[in-house]
Amino acid sequence: MSSFYELTVLGSGAGASSVYEGLTSSSFMLSCDGQPFCLVDLGLGVGREVMRQFGEFPSKVIITHNHSDHAGDLPVVALVELKRGNRLQIIAQTEVMQRLKQHRMAEHHQQAKPEALADWVGLPEGESFELGFGLTLAFYRGEHSELSFGFRLMDAQGQIRLAYTADSCVSTALYEKLAPAQVFILDARPKPNAWHADFAQIQPWLKPGVFILGHGLSKAKAYESYPELPLLLAGQTLVF
């Protein structure tokens, strides 16, 4: 019998949204049969939202890239969770992992190496990793101002259950790898941007099961200005 997976949108804030508008940075919690087991991205404000909604952190954290709105809370959370007895397993594409260890975790370098604070899993692009709960993870490169990788989650039957582009401008190569997913989440913004797809550009990819992460949009703004789009916003859940 296939497991029941759920994605909870913790935040959909853009780069500066957490600081200037109080929106939690874009992040998801993944659950299996009601049990949270993996956090996707840990940017500014995400740690607080995890504690508010779930009261604790899962041990697994996927990081798509080293921008503050996707990894800003990582150093603090890794250290505090270690002290609490929850040693995080941080999963990223190999080069992204090295950037996280060298740059994002630099504030701790005088007291501890990154390897002392967490378990690090670096994956070459396209290589499968057993995430647990019947799912395997594989990363695929996007096109962004910082090295960024989307990913897909596949079940034991070979069905791609969930895929997420992470931050990326339009990339046919990336989209074609992820589009067969049961649930496919795209990064897109209302207006054209050099490093992000915009709503008009991703229209050809929209179909049932495809969603857009509403970066930087409040619920009121999203519903008022884009009622026709399948936007994902903080507080929403998806079953996959």
Foldseek 3Di string as FASTA:
>chain_A
DDWKKKKAWAFQADQCCCPPPVTQFTKIFMATPRHTAEIEFDAPPSVVSCCVPPVDDHQEYEAFAPGRSGCVCPQVCLQVCVVVVRAHEYEYAQVRQVCCQVPVNVVCVVPDHPVVRHHYHHHHAPDWDPSDPQWIKGWDFAFAPTTGTKMWIAGPVRATAETERPWHADDPVRCVVGLSHQAYEAEEECDDDPGHHHPVVCVVSDDPRYEYAHYNDDPVRCCVPPVPGRYDGHGDMDID
